[in-house]
């Protein structure tokens, strides 16, 4: 889905589930990023993730 127009179209309530999803996978993504790239700051997300934040 495209979430980028949600805020400018005054549909912030549609954007909230996406923000919640991103926040929910943040910790798992930090661990996966460090596992693949070493001790780096920040985190990455692959193009496909499941509900637990595990990348494919």
PDB file of N, CA and C in Angstrom:
ATOM      1  N   UNK A   1       0.827  -1.171   0.000  1.00  0.00           N
ATOM      2  CA  UNK A   1       0.000   0.000   0.000  1.00  0.00           C
ATOM      3  C   UNK A   1       0.876   1.241   0.000  1.00  0.00           C
ATOM      4  N   UNK A   2       0.349   2.307  -0.497  1.00  0.00           N
ATOM      5  CA  UNK A   2       1.052   3.590  -0.473  1.00  0.00           C
ATOM      6  C   UNK A   2       0.534   4.426   0.683  1.00  0.00           C
ATOM      7  N   UNK A   3       1.411   4.711   1.613  1.00  0.00           N
ATOM      8  CA  UNK A   3       1.028   5.507   2.766  1.00  0.00           C
ATOM      9  C   UNK A   3       1.486   6.952   2.653  1.00  0.00           C
ATOM     10  N   UNK A   4       2.319   7.274   1.668  1.00  0.00           N
ATOM     11  CA  UNK A   4       2.873   8.623   1.606  1.00  0.00           C
ATOM     12  C   UNK A   4       1.822   9.716   1.477  1.00  0.00           C
ATOM     13  N   UNK A   5       0.659   9.522   0.809  1.00  0.00           N
ATOM     14  CA  UNK A   5      -0.282  10.645   0.719  1.00  0.00           C
ATOM     15  C   UNK A   5      -1.231  10.773   1.910  1.00  0.00           C
ATOM     16  N   UNK A   6      -1.114   9.898   2.900  1.00  0.00           N
ATOM     17  CA  UNK A   6      -2.085   9.900   3.999  1.00  0.00           C
ATOM     18  C   UNK A   6      -2.113  11.224   4.749  1.00  0.00           C
ATOM     19  N   UNK A   7      -0.967  11.753   5.081  1.00  0.00           N
ATOM     20  CA  UNK A   7      -0.927  13.001   5.853  1.00  0.00           C
ATOM     21  C   UNK A   7      -1.386  14.195   5.029  1.00  0.00           C
ATOM     22  N   UNK A   8      -0.930  14.307   3.803  1.00  0.00           N
ATOM     23  CA  UNK A   8      -1.297  15.479   2.995  1.00  0.00           C
ATOM     24  C   UNK A   8      -2.752  15.430   2.551  1.00  0.00           C
ATOM     25  N   UNK A   9      -3.356  14.245   2.580  1.00  0.00           N
ATOM     26  CA  UNK A   9      -4.766  14.110   2.203  1.00  0.00           C
ATOM     27  C   UNK A   9      -5.683  14.176   3.421  1.00  0.00           C
ATOM     28  N   UNK A  10      -5.121  14.579   4.575  1.00  0.00           N
ATOM     29  CA  UNK A  10      -5.875  14.689   5.812  1.00  0.00           C
ATOM     30  C   UNK A  10      -6.487  13.348   6.237  1.00  0.00           C
ATOM     31  N   UNK A  11      -5.689  12.275   6.059  1.00  0.00           N
ATOM     32  CA  UNK A  11      -6.124  10.935   6.445  1.00  0.00           C
ATOM     33  C   UNK A  11      -5.147  10.333   7.459  1.00  0.00           C
ATOM     34  N   UNK A  12      -4.799  11.122   8.464  1.00  0.00           N
ATOM     35  CA  UNK A  12      -3.799  10.693   9.439  1.00  0.00           C
ATOM     36  C   UNK A  12      -4.186   9.390  10.132  1.00  0.00           C
ATOM     37  N   UNK A  13      -5.467   9.136  10.320  1.00  0.00           N
ATOM     38  CA  UNK A  13      -5.886   7.906  10.988  1.00  0.00           C
ATOM     39  C   UNK A  13      -5.533   6.666  10.155  1.00  0.00           C
ATOM     40  N   UNK A  14      -5.362   6.821   8.854  1.00  0.00           N
ATOM     41  CA  UNK A  14      -4.943   5.702   7.999  1.00  0.00           C
ATOM     42  C   UNK A  14      -3.435   5.468   8.089  1.00  0.00           C
ATOM     43  N   UNK A  15      -2.704   6.475   8.488  1.00  0.00           N
ATOM     44  CA  UNK A  15      -1.255   6.398   8.581  1.00  0.00           C
ATOM     45  C   UNK A  15      -0.809   5.762   9.897  1.00  0.00           C
ATOM     46  N   UNK A  16      -1.637   5.833  10.908  1.00  0.00           N
ATOM     47  CA  UNK A  16      -1.285   5.338  12.235  1.00  0.00           C
ATOM     48  C   UNK A  16      -0.952   3.840  12.264  1.00  0.00           C
ATOM     49  N   UNK A  17      -1.699   2.954  11.607  1.00  0.00           N
ATOM     50  CA  UNK A  17      -1.320   1.528  11.617  1.00  0.00           C
ATOM     51  C   UNK A  17       0.066   1.283  11.011  1.00  0.00           C
ATOM     52  N   UNK A  18       0.420   2.023   9.992  1.00  0.00           N
ATOM     53  CA  UNK A  18       1.746   1.871   9.392  1.00  0.00           C
ATOM     54  C   UNK A  18       2.841   2.304  10.368  1.00  0.00           C
ATOM     55  N   UNK A  19       2.643   3.416  11.042  1.00  0.00           N
ATOM     56  CA  UNK A  19       3.616   3.887  12.027  1.00  0.00           C
ATOM     57  C   UNK A  19       3.743   2.864  13.163  1.00  0.00           C
ATOM     58  N   UNK A  20       2.632   2.303  13.601  1.00  0.00           N
ATOM     59  CA  UNK A  20       2.669   1.270  14.648  1.00  0.00           C
ATOM     60  C   UNK A  20       3.450   0.047  14.182  1.00  0.00           C
ATOM     61  N   UNK A  21       3.271  -0.347  12.925  1.00  0.00           N
ATOM     62  CA  UNK A  21       3.998  -1.495  12.374  1.00  0.00           C
ATOM     63  C   UNK A  21       5.501  -1.223  12.351  1.00  0.00           C
ATOM     64  N   UNK A  22       5.893  -0.055  11.873  1.00  0.00           N
ATOM     65  CA  UNK A  22       7.317   0.295  11.815  1.00  0.00           C
ATOM     66  C   UNK A  22       7.907   0.297  13.224  1.00  0.00           C
ATOM     67  N   UNK A  23       7.207   0.867  14.178  1.00  0.00           N
ATOM     68  CA  UNK A  23       7.694   0.863  15.557  1.00  0.00           C
ATOM     69  C   UNK A  23       7.802  -0.550  16.120  1.00  0.00           C
ATOM     70  N   UNK A  24       6.910  -1.434  15.706  1.00  0.00           N
ATOM     71  CA  UNK A  24       6.921  -2.794  16.241  1.00  0.00           C
ATOM     72  C   UNK A  24       8.077  -3.629  15.709  1.00  0.00           C
ATOM     73  N   UNK A  25       8.596  -3.325  14.529  1.00  0.00           N
ATOM     74  CA  UNK A  25       9.693  -4.119  13.970  1.00  0.00           C
ATOM     75  C   UNK A  25      11.060  -3.473  14.204  1.00  0.00           C
ATOM     76  N   UNK A  26      11.096  -2.337  14.842  1.00  0.00           N
ATOM     77  CA  UNK A  26      12.350  -1.606  15.012  1.00  0.00           C
ATOM     78  C   UNK A  26      13.395  -2.409  15.785  1.00  0.00           C
ATOM     79  N   UNK A  27      13.050  -2.970  16.937  1.00  0.00           N
ATOM     80  CA  UNK A  27      14.027  -3.698  17.756  1.00  0.00           C
ATOM     81  C   UNK A  27      14.559  -4.934  17.037  1.00  0.00           C
ATOM     82  N   UNK A  28      13.671  -5.694  16.397  1.00  0.00           N
ATOM     83  CA  UNK A  28      14.100  -6.879  15.649  1.00  0.00           C
ATOM     84  C   UNK A  28      14.995  -6.462  14.482  1.00  0.00           C
ATOM     85  N   UNK A  29      14.659  -5.364  13.836  1.00  0.00           N
ATOM     86  CA  UNK A  29      15.459  -4.887  12.703  1.00  0.00           C
ATOM     87  C   UNK A  29      16.847  -4.436  13.133  1.00  0.00           C
ATOM     88  N   UNK A  30      16.952  -3.844  14.316  1.00  0.00           N
ATOM     89  CA  UNK A  30      18.272  -3.451  14.836  1.00  0.00           C
ATOM     90  C   UNK A  30      19.142  -4.692  15.003  1.00  0.00           C
ATOM     91  N   UNK A  31      18.583  -5.747  15.582  1.00  0.00           N
ATOM     92  CA  UNK A  31      19.349  -6.985  15.781  1.00  0.00           C
ATOM     93  C   UNK A  31      19.747  -7.616  14.457  1.00  0.00           C
ATOM     94  N   UNK A  32      18.817  -7.665  13.506  1.00  0.00           N
ATOM     95  CA  UNK A  32      19.119  -8.247  12.196  1.00  0.00           C
ATOM     96  C   UNK A  32      20.167  -7.443  11.448  1.00  0.00           C
ATOM     97  N   UNK A  33      20.105  -6.124  11.542  1.00  0.00           N
ATOM     98  CA  UNK A  33      21.085  -5.270  10.869  1.00  0.00           C
ATOM     99  C   UNK A  33      22.467  -5.502  11.441  1.00  0.00           C
ATOM    100  N   UNK A  34      22.580  -5.573  12.751  1.00  0.00           N
ATOM    101  CA  UNK A  34      23.891  -5.812  13.381  1.00  0.00           C
ATOM    102  C   UNK A  34      24.416  -7.195  13.056  1.00  0.00           C
ATOM    103  N   UNK A  35      23.495  -8.172  12.934  1.00  0.00           N
ATOM    104  CA  UNK A  35      23.912  -9.531  12.584  1.00  0.00           C
ATOM    105  C   UNK A  35      24.524  -9.572  11.185  1.00  0.00           C
ATOM    106  N   UNK A  36      23.947  -8.827  10.255  1.00  0.00           N
ATOM    107  CA  UNK A  36      24.407  -8.856   8.866  1.00  0.00           C
ATOM    108  C   UNK A  36      25.539  -7.881   8.573  1.00  0.00           C
ATOM    109  N   UNK A  37      25.562  -6.724   9.244  1.00  0.00           N
ATOM    110  CA  UNK A  37      26.504  -5.666   8.888  1.00  0.00           C
ATOM    111  C   UNK A  37      27.490  -5.306   9.990  1.00  0.00           C
ATOM    112  N   UNK A  38      27.451  -5.998  11.112  1.00  0.00           N
ATOM    113  CA  UNK A  38      28.373  -5.704  12.208  1.00  0.00           C
ATOM    114  C   UNK A  38      27.822  -4.629  13.128  1.00  0.00           C
ATOM    115  N   UNK A  39      28.714  -4.026  13.886  1.00  0.00           N
ATOM    116  CA  UNK A  39      28.319  -3.018  14.877  1.00  0.00           C
ATOM    117  C   UNK A  39      28.121  -1.668  14.195  1.00  0.00           C
ATOM    118  N   UNK A  40      26.929  -1.440  13.685  1.00  0.00           N
ATOM    119  CA  UNK A  40      26.599  -0.190  12.995  1.00  0.00           C
ATOM    120  C   UNK A  40      25.455   0.511  13.721  1.00  0.00           C
ATOM    121  N   UNK A  41      25.348   1.806  13.500  1.00  0.00           N
ATOM    122  CA  UNK A  41      24.224   2.555  14.066  1.00  0.00           C
ATOM    123  C   UNK A  41      23.026   2.438  13.125  1.00  0.00           C
ATOM    124  N   UNK A  42      21.848   2.538  13.684  1.00  0.00           N
ATOM    125  CA  UNK A  42      20.643   2.531  12.866  1.00  0.00           C
ATOM    126  C   UNK A  42      20.146   1.128  12.570  1.00  0.00           C
ATOM    127  N   UNK A  43      19.209   1.049  11.631  1.00  0.00           N
ATOM    128  CA  UNK A  43      18.630  -0.227  11.275  1.00  0.00           C
ATOM    129  C   UNK A  43      18.120  -0.194   9.842  1.00  0.00           C
ATOM    130  N   UNK A  44      17.972  -1.364   9.270  1.00  0.00           N
ATOM    131  CA  UNK A  44      17.483  -1.497   7.905  1.00  0.00           C
ATOM    132  C   UNK A  44      16.288  -2.432   7.893  1.00  0.00           C
ATOM    133  N   UNK A  45      15.507  -2.345   6.851  1.00  0.00           N
ATOM    134  CA  UNK A  45      14.374  -3.249   6.664  1.00  0.00           C
ATOM    135  C   UNK A  45      14.436  -3.742   5.232  1.00  0.00           C
ATOM    136  N   UNK A  46      14.317  -5.031   5.056  1.00  0.00           N
ATOM    137  CA  UNK A  46      14.320  -5.601   3.723  1.00  0.00           C
ATOM    138  C   UNK A  46      12.987  -5.279   3.039  1.00  0.00           C
ATOM    139  N   UNK A  47      12.856  -5.628   1.788  1.00  0.00           N
ATOM    140  CA  UNK A  47      11.646  -5.265   1.052  1.00  0.00           C
ATOM    141  C   UNK A  47      10.422  -6.043   1.500  1.00  0.00           C
ATOM    142  N   UNK A  48      10.625  -7.216   2.109  1.00  0.00           N
ATOM    143  CA  UNK A  48       9.491  -8.003   2.579  1.00  0.00           C
ATOM    144  C   UNK A  48       9.729  -8.410   4.028  1.00  0.00           C
ATOM    145  N   UNK A  49       8.753  -8.223   4.870  1.00  0.00           N
ATOM    146  CA  UNK A  49       8.823  -8.603   6.282  1.00  0.00           C
ATOM    147  C   UNK A  49       7.521  -9.261   6.677  1.00  0.00           C
ATOM    148  N   UNK A  50       7.607 -10.169   7.648  1.00  0.00           N
ATOM    149  CA  UNK A  50       6.368 -10.734   8.161  1.00  0.00           C
ATOM    150  C   UNK A  50       5.939  -9.962   9.403  1.00  0.00           C
ATOM    151  N   UNK A  51       4.902 -10.382  10.057  1.00  0.00           N
ATOM    152  CA  UNK A  51       4.362  -9.652  11.199  1.00  0.00           C
ATOM    153  C   UNK A  51       5.327  -9.601  12.381  1.00  0.00           C
ATOM    154  N   UNK A  52       6.283 -10.513  12.429  1.00  0.00           N
ATOM    155  CA  UNK A  52       7.269 -10.531  13.511  1.00  0.00           C
ATOM    156  C   UNK A  52       8.501  -9.700  13.167  1.00  0.00           C
ATOM    157  N   UNK A  53       8.539  -9.131  11.969  1.00  0.00           N
ATOM    158  CA  UNK A  53       9.681  -8.315  11.578  1.00  0.00           C
ATOM    159  C   UNK A  53      10.832  -9.110  10.993  1.00  0.00           C
ATOM    160  N   UNK A  54      10.605 -10.376  10.689  1.00  0.00           N
ATOM    161  CA  UNK A  54      11.658 -11.213  10.129  1.00  0.00           C
ATOM    162  C   UNK A  54      11.695 -10.997   8.622  1.00  0.00           C
ATOM    163  N   UNK A  55      12.879 -10.672   8.121  1.00  0.00           N
ATOM    164  CA  UNK A  55      13.040 -10.390   6.702  1.00  0.00           C
ATOM    165  C   UNK A  55      13.136 -11.668   5.889  1.00  0.00           C
ATOM    166  N   UNK A  56      12.689 -11.588   4.653  1.00  0.00           N
ATOM    167  CA  UNK A  56      12.778 -12.706   3.719  1.00  0.00           C
ATOM    168  C   UNK A  56      13.857 -12.451   2.702  1.00  0.00           C
TER     169      UNK A  56
END
